[in-house]
Amino acid sequence: MKLKRPPSPITRTSQVLTQYRHENATWKRILGYLIEENIILKTRLSEILQNSIIGDNGFLDKIEYFQNQFLKEDEIFGYLKLDILEQEQLLDPDFPEEFDTLAKIKRNQKKLTKELETAEKVFNTLKFEFNTYLSETL
C-alpha cells in the first residue's frame, strides 16, 4: 500500500481559494435574493398604504416602523455587496498569493460568513414579522 503525501501548501492554498470563490458566488446569489425580497416587501407596503383606509395612528406607526426597517436592510445589503465585491477582487486568480493577502482573505471570509448569516436571519425575522402583522391587521 502506497502512502499518499499531504498536498503541498500551494495546492492546499489553491483549493482553499477555489472554495472561497464558490462561497463568494453563493453569497452574491443569496444577497441578490434578499435584495429582491426587500423590494417586494417595500412594494407591498406601498400597495397597503394606497389601498387602505387608515383608521388609527397605531397602524401608521407600525407601517412607518416597517418602512424604516426595510430601508435599513437596503443599507446593510449595500454594505455587504461592497464587501463581497472587495473579497471577490482579492480572490482573483491573478492576484498575488502573498502571506499577508492570504491572511486578509481568510479574515474577510470569516467575517463575511458571519455577517451574511446574521443579515439573512434578521431579514427573515423582519419579513415574518411584517407578514404576520399584515395577516392579523388587514
Protein backbone atom coordinates (compact mmCIF):
# COMPACT_ATOMS: atom_id res chain seq x y z
CA MET A 1 0.00 0.00 0.00
CA LYS A 2 1.43 3.31 -1.09
CA LEU A 3 1.03 6.26 1.29
CA LYS A 4 -0.25 9.50 -0.11
CA ARG A 5 1.62 12.66 0.63
CA PRO A 6 -0.34 15.56 2.03
CA PRO A 7 -1.00 18.24 -0.57
CA SER A 8 1.71 20.84 -0.91
CA PRO A 9 0.95 24.25 0.65
CA ILE A 10 0.49 25.77 -2.81
CA THR A 11 -2.07 23.13 -3.77
CA ARG A 12 -3.85 23.49 -0.43
CA THR A 13 -3.90 27.29 -0.81
CA SER A 14 -5.29 26.94 -4.30
CA GLN A 15 -8.03 24.60 -3.03
CA VAL A 16 -8.94 27.00 -0.23
CA LEU A 17 -9.12 29.95 -2.62
CA THR A 18 -11.28 27.93 -5.01
CA GLN A 19 -13.64 27.11 -2.13
CA TYR A 20 -13.77 30.78 -1.13
CA ARG A 21 -14.64 31.72 -4.72
CA HIS A 22 -17.55 29.27 -4.64
CA GLU A 23 -18.72 30.67 -1.30
CA ASN A 24 -18.47 34.19 -2.66
CA ALA A 25 -20.60 33.28 -5.68
CA THR A 26 -23.18 31.75 -3.34
CA TRP A 27 -23.22 34.91 -1.21
CA LYS A 28 -23.87 37.03 -4.29
CA ARG A 29 -26.87 34.86 -5.19
CA ILE A 30 -28.21 34.96 -1.62
CA LEU A 31 -27.73 38.71 -1.40
CA GLY A 32 -29.46 39.18 -4.75
CA TYR A 33 -32.41 37.19 -3.44
CA LEU A 34 -32.56 39.22 -0.20
CA ILE A 35 -32.45 42.49 -2.14
CA GLU A 36 -35.25 41.29 -4.42
CA GLU A 37 -37.36 40.18 -1.44
CA ASN A 38 -36.84 43.55 0.23
CA ILE A 39 -38.05 45.30 -2.92
CA ILE A 40 -41.15 43.11 -2.92
CA LEU A 41 -41.87 43.93 0.72
CA LYS A 42 -41.48 47.67 0.12
CA THR A 43 -43.81 47.39 -2.88
CA ARG A 44 -46.33 45.54 -0.74
CA LEU A 45 -46.06 48.25 1.91
CA SER A 46 -46.77 50.88 -0.74
CA GLU A 47 -49.79 48.96 -2.02
CA ILE A 48 -51.19 48.73 1.50
CA LEU A 49 -50.84 52.46 2.03
CA GLN A 50 -52.54 53.22 -1.29
CA ASN A 51 -55.42 50.80 -0.77
CA SER A 52 -56.08 51.00 2.95
CA ILE A 53 -58.41 53.14 4.92
CA ILE A 54 -56.19 54.39 7.68
CA GLY A 55 -58.15 54.39 10.91
CA ASP A 56 -55.64 54.92 13.66
CA ASN A 57 -52.17 56.20 14.35
CA GLY A 58 -51.06 52.78 15.59
CA PHE A 59 -51.40 51.43 12.09
CA LEU A 60 -49.39 54.30 10.61
CA ASP A 61 -46.74 53.97 13.30
CA LYS A 62 -46.32 50.27 12.55
CA ILE A 63 -46.19 50.87 8.80
CA GLU A 64 -43.56 53.58 9.34
CA TYR A 65 -41.59 51.16 11.52
CA PHE A 66 -41.56 48.56 8.75
CA GLN A 67 -40.62 51.15 6.14
CA ASN A 68 -37.65 52.23 8.26
CA GLN A 69 -36.61 48.63 8.81
CA PHE A 70 -36.74 47.89 5.07
CA LEU A 71 -34.61 50.96 4.38
CA LYS A 72 -32.09 49.81 7.00
CA GLU A 73 -31.97 46.44 5.28
CA ASP A 74 -31.22 48.20 1.98
CA GLU A 75 -28.28 49.91 3.64
CA ILE A 76 -26.97 46.69 5.17
CA PHE A 77 -27.30 44.86 1.87
CA GLY A 78 -25.42 47.68 0.13
CA TYR A 79 -22.51 47.37 2.55
CA LEU A 80 -22.49 43.61 2.22
CA LYS A 81 -22.48 43.88 -1.57
CA LEU A 82 -19.43 46.14 -1.45
CA ASP A 83 -17.64 43.82 0.99
CA ILE A 84 -18.37 40.81 -1.19
CA LEU A 85 -17.07 42.61 -4.28
CA GLU A 86 -13.90 43.58 -2.41
CA GLN A 87 -13.38 39.98 -1.38
CA GLU A 88 -14.02 38.86 -4.95
CA GLN A 89 -11.19 41.13 -6.11
CA LEU A 90 -8.84 39.57 -3.56
CA LEU A 91 -9.88 36.13 -4.76
CA ASP A 92 -8.98 36.95 -8.37
CA PRO A 93 -6.74 34.12 -9.61
CA ASP A 94 -4.25 36.66 -10.94
CA PHE A 95 -3.91 38.35 -7.56
CA PRO A 96 -0.51 37.60 -5.97
CA GLU A 97 -0.64 34.91 -3.29
CA GLU A 98 1.30 36.66 -0.59
CA PHE A 99 1.08 35.66 3.05
CA ASP A 100 -0.43 39.00 4.11
CA THR A 101 -3.01 38.81 1.35
CA LEU A 102 -3.97 35.23 2.24
CA ALA A 103 -4.34 36.16 5.89
CA LYS A 104 -6.57 39.09 4.93
CA ILE A 105 -8.65 36.86 2.65
CA LYS A 106 -9.19 34.35 5.45
CA ARG A 107 -10.17 37.08 7.94
CA ASN A 108 -12.55 38.66 5.43
CA GLN A 109 -14.09 35.30 4.57
CA LYS A 110 -14.78 34.50 8.21
CA LYS A 111 -16.20 37.98 8.85
CA LEU A 112 -18.40 37.90 5.74
CA THR A 113 -19.72 34.45 6.60
CA LYS A 114 -20.93 35.71 9.98
CA GLU A 115 -22.28 38.99 8.60
CA LEU A 116 -24.24 37.36 5.80
CA GLU A 117 -25.65 34.73 8.14
CA THR A 118 -26.77 37.44 10.56
CA ALA A 119 -28.21 39.62 7.80
CA GLU A 120 -30.18 36.70 6.42
CA LYS A 121 -31.59 35.78 9.85
CA VAL A 122 -32.53 39.38 10.69
CA PHE A 123 -34.19 39.90 7.33
CA ASN A 124 -36.16 36.67 7.51
CA THR A 125 -37.36 37.61 11.00
CA LEU A 126 -38.42 41.05 9.74
CA LYS A 127 -40.21 39.51 6.74
CA PHE A 128 -42.07 37.08 9.01
CA GLU A 129 -42.97 39.89 11.41
CA PHE A 130 -44.29 42.06 8.55
CA ASN A 131 -46.38 39.28 7.02
CA THR A 132 -47.76 38.27 10.41
CA TYR A 133 -48.69 41.86 11.19
CA LEU A 134 -50.49 42.23 7.88
CA SER A 135 -52.32 38.95 8.27
CA GLU A 136 -53.56 39.97 11.71
CA THR A 137 -54.36 43.60 10.86
CA LEU A 138 -55.90 43.61 7.39
